[in-house]
Amino acid sequence: MAKILVIDDEDQLRDLLSQMLTRDKHEVRTAFDGVEGVRIYNEFTPDLIITDIIMPNKDGIEVITELLSRNPDIAIIAISGGRRAITAEFNLESAELLGVRGILSKPFTRDQLREAVNHALGL
């Protein structure tokens, strides 16, 4: 169906998302942080990016800003669980203001993921 790039520094979540999306017949690549994510984006040219907000080296807001400045039509879903004094709600509202096509607050269900992916891809 679609080529999807998942960027998240949590190994278990990244692997789980990859498995769920692969079961739905998507071609999936993964990245540990925003630096690796942008590199893979350049090689893979995905239809959709699912990115965490809080990550080392280059966070999700930086990734979203960079990729949307290159391609304003790229579909992006932001995910966040929040950490420390910054809440997931604040992170996701910031991502929405930048122009992502979907947001998911951790934890989320498989059905919520599928619905967000379908919406972001216009399915």
C-alpha atoms as a PDB file:
ATOM      1  CA  MET A   1       0.000   0.000   0.000  1.00  0.00           C
ATOM      2  CA  ALA A   2       2.152   2.895   1.261  1.00  0.00           C
ATOM      3  CA  LYS A   3       5.786   3.495   2.093  1.00  0.00           C
ATOM      4  CA  ILE A   4       5.996   4.551   5.753  1.00  0.00           C
ATOM      5  CA  LEU A   5       8.935   5.820   7.799  1.00  0.00           C
ATOM      6  CA  VAL A   6       8.674   5.399  11.587  1.00  0.00           C
ATOM      7  CA  ILE A   7      10.998   7.583  13.682  1.00  0.00           C
ATOM      8  CA  ASP A   8      11.083   6.834  17.424  1.00  0.00           C
ATOM      9  CA  ASP A   9      13.875   6.383  19.942  1.00  0.00           C
ATOM     10  CA  GLU A  10      11.971   3.689  21.873  1.00  0.00           C
ATOM     11  CA  ASP A  11      13.058   0.366  20.373  1.00  0.00           C
ATOM     12  CA  GLN A  12       9.999  -1.608  21.470  1.00  0.00           C
ATOM     13  CA  LEU A  13       7.486   0.917  20.188  1.00  0.00           C
ATOM     14  CA  ARG A  14       9.360   1.386  16.916  1.00  0.00           C
ATOM     15  CA  ASP A  15       9.392  -2.388  16.372  1.00  0.00           C
ATOM     16  CA  LEU A  16       5.726  -2.752  17.340  1.00  0.00           C
ATOM     17  CA  LEU A  17       4.657   0.024  14.959  1.00  0.00           C
ATOM     18  CA  SER A  18       6.708  -1.548  12.186  1.00  0.00           C
ATOM     19  CA  GLN A  19       5.056  -4.939  12.754  1.00  0.00           C
ATOM     20  CA  MET A  20       1.531  -3.487  12.860  1.00  0.00           C
ATOM     21  CA  LEU A  21       2.051  -1.431   9.705  1.00  0.00           C
ATOM     22  CA  THR A  22       3.698  -4.337   7.875  1.00  0.00           C
ATOM     23  CA  ARG A  23       0.691  -6.540   8.726  1.00  0.00           C
ATOM     24  CA  ASP A  24      -1.444  -3.890   7.042  1.00  0.00           C
ATOM     25  CA  LYS A  25       0.683  -4.391   3.898  1.00  0.00           C
ATOM     26  CA  HIS A  26       2.728  -1.189   4.156  1.00  0.00           C
ATOM     27  CA  GLU A  27       6.432  -1.052   3.325  1.00  0.00           C
ATOM     28  CA  VAL A  28       8.098   0.217   6.510  1.00  0.00           C
ATOM     29  CA  ARG A  29      11.509   1.621   7.371  1.00  0.00           C
ATOM     30  CA  THR A  30      12.505   2.754  10.839  1.00  0.00           C
ATOM     31  CA  ALA A  31      14.884   5.264  12.406  1.00  0.00           C
ATOM     32  CA  PHE A  32      16.128   5.792  15.964  1.00  0.00           C
ATOM     33  CA  ASP A  33      16.211   9.596  15.904  1.00  0.00           C
ATOM     34  CA  GLY A  34      15.574  12.598  13.690  1.00  0.00           C
ATOM     35  CA  VAL A  35      19.052  12.619  12.181  1.00  0.00           C
ATOM     36  CA  GLU A  36      18.711   9.032  10.992  1.00  0.00           C
ATOM     37  CA  GLY A  37      15.083   9.701  10.041  1.00  0.00           C
ATOM     38  CA  VAL A  38      15.957  12.562   7.684  1.00  0.00           C
ATOM     39  CA  ARG A  39      18.739  10.471   6.121  1.00  0.00           C
ATOM     40  CA  ILE A  40      16.354   7.553   5.515  1.00  0.00           C
ATOM     41  CA  TYR A  41      13.682   9.964   4.228  1.00  0.00           C
ATOM     42  CA  ASN A  42      16.133  11.144   1.558  1.00  0.00           C
ATOM     43  CA  GLU A  43      16.811   7.556   0.430  1.00  0.00           C
ATOM     44  CA  PHE A  44      13.351   6.018   0.889  1.00  0.00           C
ATOM     45  CA  THR A  45      10.974   8.876  -0.114  1.00  0.00           C
ATOM     46  CA  PRO A  46       8.063   7.646   2.025  1.00  0.00           C
ATOM     47  CA  ASP A  47       4.401   8.460   1.521  1.00  0.00           C
ATOM     48  CA  LEU A  48       3.973   8.919   5.276  1.00  0.00           C
ATOM     49  CA  ILE A  49       6.206   9.686   8.241  1.00  0.00           C
ATOM     50  CA  ILE A  50       5.261   8.772  11.791  1.00  0.00           C
ATOM     51  CA  THR A  51       7.566  10.598  14.190  1.00  0.00           C
ATOM     52  CA  ASP A  52       7.912  10.847  17.929  1.00  0.00           C
ATOM     53  CA  ILE A  53       8.389  14.368  19.255  1.00  0.00           C
ATOM     54  CA  ILE A  54      10.925  13.878  22.046  1.00  0.00           C
ATOM     55  CA  MET A  55      14.072  12.175  20.737  1.00  0.00           C
ATOM     56  CA  PRO A  56      17.815  12.663  21.041  1.00  0.00           C
ATOM     57  CA  ASN A  57      19.988  14.454  18.458  1.00  0.00           C
ATOM     58  CA  LYS A  58      17.109  15.905  16.391  1.00  0.00           C
ATOM     59  CA  ASP A  59      13.630  15.983  17.872  1.00  0.00           C
ATOM     60  CA  GLY A  60      10.341  15.483  16.069  1.00  0.00           C
ATOM     61  CA  ILE A  61       9.552  19.192  15.828  1.00  0.00           C
ATOM     62  CA  GLU A  62      12.859  19.743  14.006  1.00  0.00           C
ATOM     63  CA  VAL A  63      12.121  16.794  11.699  1.00  0.00           C
ATOM     64  CA  ILE A  64       8.600  18.043  10.957  1.00  0.00           C
ATOM     65  CA  THR A  65       9.824  21.583  10.273  1.00  0.00           C
ATOM     66  CA  GLU A  66      12.636  20.433   7.978  1.00  0.00           C
ATOM     67  CA  LEU A  67      10.602  17.956   5.965  1.00  0.00           C
ATOM     68  CA  LEU A  68       7.550  20.188   5.558  1.00  0.00           C
ATOM     69  CA  SER A  69       9.799  23.039   4.396  1.00  0.00           C
ATOM     70  CA  ARG A  70      11.119  20.725   1.666  1.00  0.00           C
ATOM     71  CA  ASN A  71       7.773  19.188   0.787  1.00  0.00           C
ATOM     72  CA  PRO A  72       4.664  20.900   2.213  1.00  0.00           C
ATOM     73  CA  ASP A  73       2.481  18.019   0.973  1.00  0.00           C
ATOM     74  CA  ILE A  74       4.282  15.224   2.855  1.00  0.00           C
ATOM     75  CA  ALA A  75       1.973  13.330   5.205  1.00  0.00           C
ATOM     76  CA  ILE A  76       3.227  13.293   8.805  1.00  0.00           C
ATOM     77  CA  ILE A  77       1.724  11.856  11.976  1.00  0.00           C
ATOM     78  CA  ALA A  78       3.223  13.097  15.250  1.00  0.00           C
ATOM     79  CA  ILE A  79       3.218  10.861  18.319  1.00  0.00           C
ATOM     80  CA  SER A  80       4.136  11.746  21.874  1.00  0.00           C
ATOM     81  CA  GLY A  81       3.799  10.574  25.428  1.00  0.00           C
ATOM     82  CA  GLY A  82       5.343  13.699  26.918  1.00  0.00           C
ATOM     83  CA  ARG A  83       8.155  13.776  29.438  1.00  0.00           C
ATOM     84  CA  ARG A  84       9.113  15.869  32.402  1.00  0.00           C
ATOM     85  CA  ALA A  85       7.247  19.179  32.517  1.00  0.00           C
ATOM     86  CA  ILE A  86       6.291  19.053  28.849  1.00  0.00           C
ATOM     87  CA  THR A  87       3.027  17.234  28.259  1.00  0.00           C
ATOM     88  CA  ALA A  88       2.103  15.113  25.296  1.00  0.00           C
ATOM     89  CA  GLU A  89      -0.774  17.514  24.620  1.00  0.00           C
ATOM     90  CA  PHE A  90       1.608  20.480  24.314  1.00  0.00           C
ATOM     91  CA  ASN A  91       3.944  18.529  22.019  1.00  0.00           C
ATOM     92  CA  LEU A  92       1.128  17.401  19.775  1.00  0.00           C
ATOM     93  CA  GLU A  93      -0.511  20.828  19.628  1.00  0.00           C
ATOM     94  CA  SER A  94       2.844  22.253  18.530  1.00  0.00           C
ATOM     95  CA  ALA A  95       3.081  19.621  15.787  1.00  0.00           C
ATOM     96  CA  GLU A  96      -0.462  20.403  14.622  1.00  0.00           C
ATOM     97  CA  LEU A  97       0.434  24.077  14.298  1.00  0.00           C
ATOM     98  CA  LEU A  98       3.301  23.083  12.011  1.00  0.00           C
ATOM     99  CA  GLY A  99       0.924  21.231   9.696  1.00  0.00           C
ATOM    100  CA  VAL A 100       1.027  17.507  10.460  1.00  0.00           C
ATOM    101  CA  ARG A 101      -1.890  15.444   9.186  1.00  0.00           C
ATOM    102  CA  GLY A 102      -2.442  13.537  12.401  1.00  0.00           C
ATOM    103  CA  ILE A 103      -1.510  13.237  16.045  1.00  0.00           C
ATOM    104  CA  LEU A 104      -1.525  10.301  18.450  1.00  0.00           C
ATOM    105  CA  SER A 105      -0.946  10.466  22.171  1.00  0.00           C
ATOM    106  CA  LYS A 106       0.902   7.460  23.622  1.00  0.00           C
ATOM    107  CA  PRO A 107      -0.351   4.931  24.417  1.00  0.00           C
ATOM    108  CA  PHE A 108      -2.657   4.390  21.454  1.00  0.00           C
ATOM    109  CA  THR A 109      -4.424   1.368  20.040  1.00  0.00           C
ATOM    110  CA  ARG A 110      -3.882  -0.450  16.771  1.00  0.00           C
ATOM    111  CA  ASP A 111      -7.250   0.847  15.576  1.00  0.00           C
ATOM    112  CA  GLN A 112      -6.292   4.437  16.423  1.00  0.00           C
ATOM    113  CA  LEU A 113      -3.025   3.989  14.511  1.00  0.00           C
ATOM    114  CA  ARG A 114      -4.809   2.495  11.515  1.00  0.00           C
ATOM    115  CA  GLU A 115      -7.374   5.312  11.495  1.00  0.00           C
ATOM    116  CA  ALA A 116      -4.648   7.996  11.709  1.00  0.00           C
ATOM    117  CA  VAL A 117      -2.633   6.352   8.923  1.00  0.00           C
ATOM    118  CA  ASN A 118      -5.657   6.036   6.647  1.00  0.00           C
ATOM    119  CA  HIS A 119      -6.653   9.641   7.307  1.00  0.00           C
ATOM    120  CA  ALA A 120      -3.117  10.969   6.691  1.00  0.00           C
ATOM    121  CA  LEU A 121      -2.891   9.013   3.440  1.00  0.00           C
ATOM    122  CA  GLY A 122      -6.366  10.119   2.339  1.00  0.00           C
ATOM    123  CA  LEU A 123      -7.734   6.581   2.298  1.00  0.00           C
END
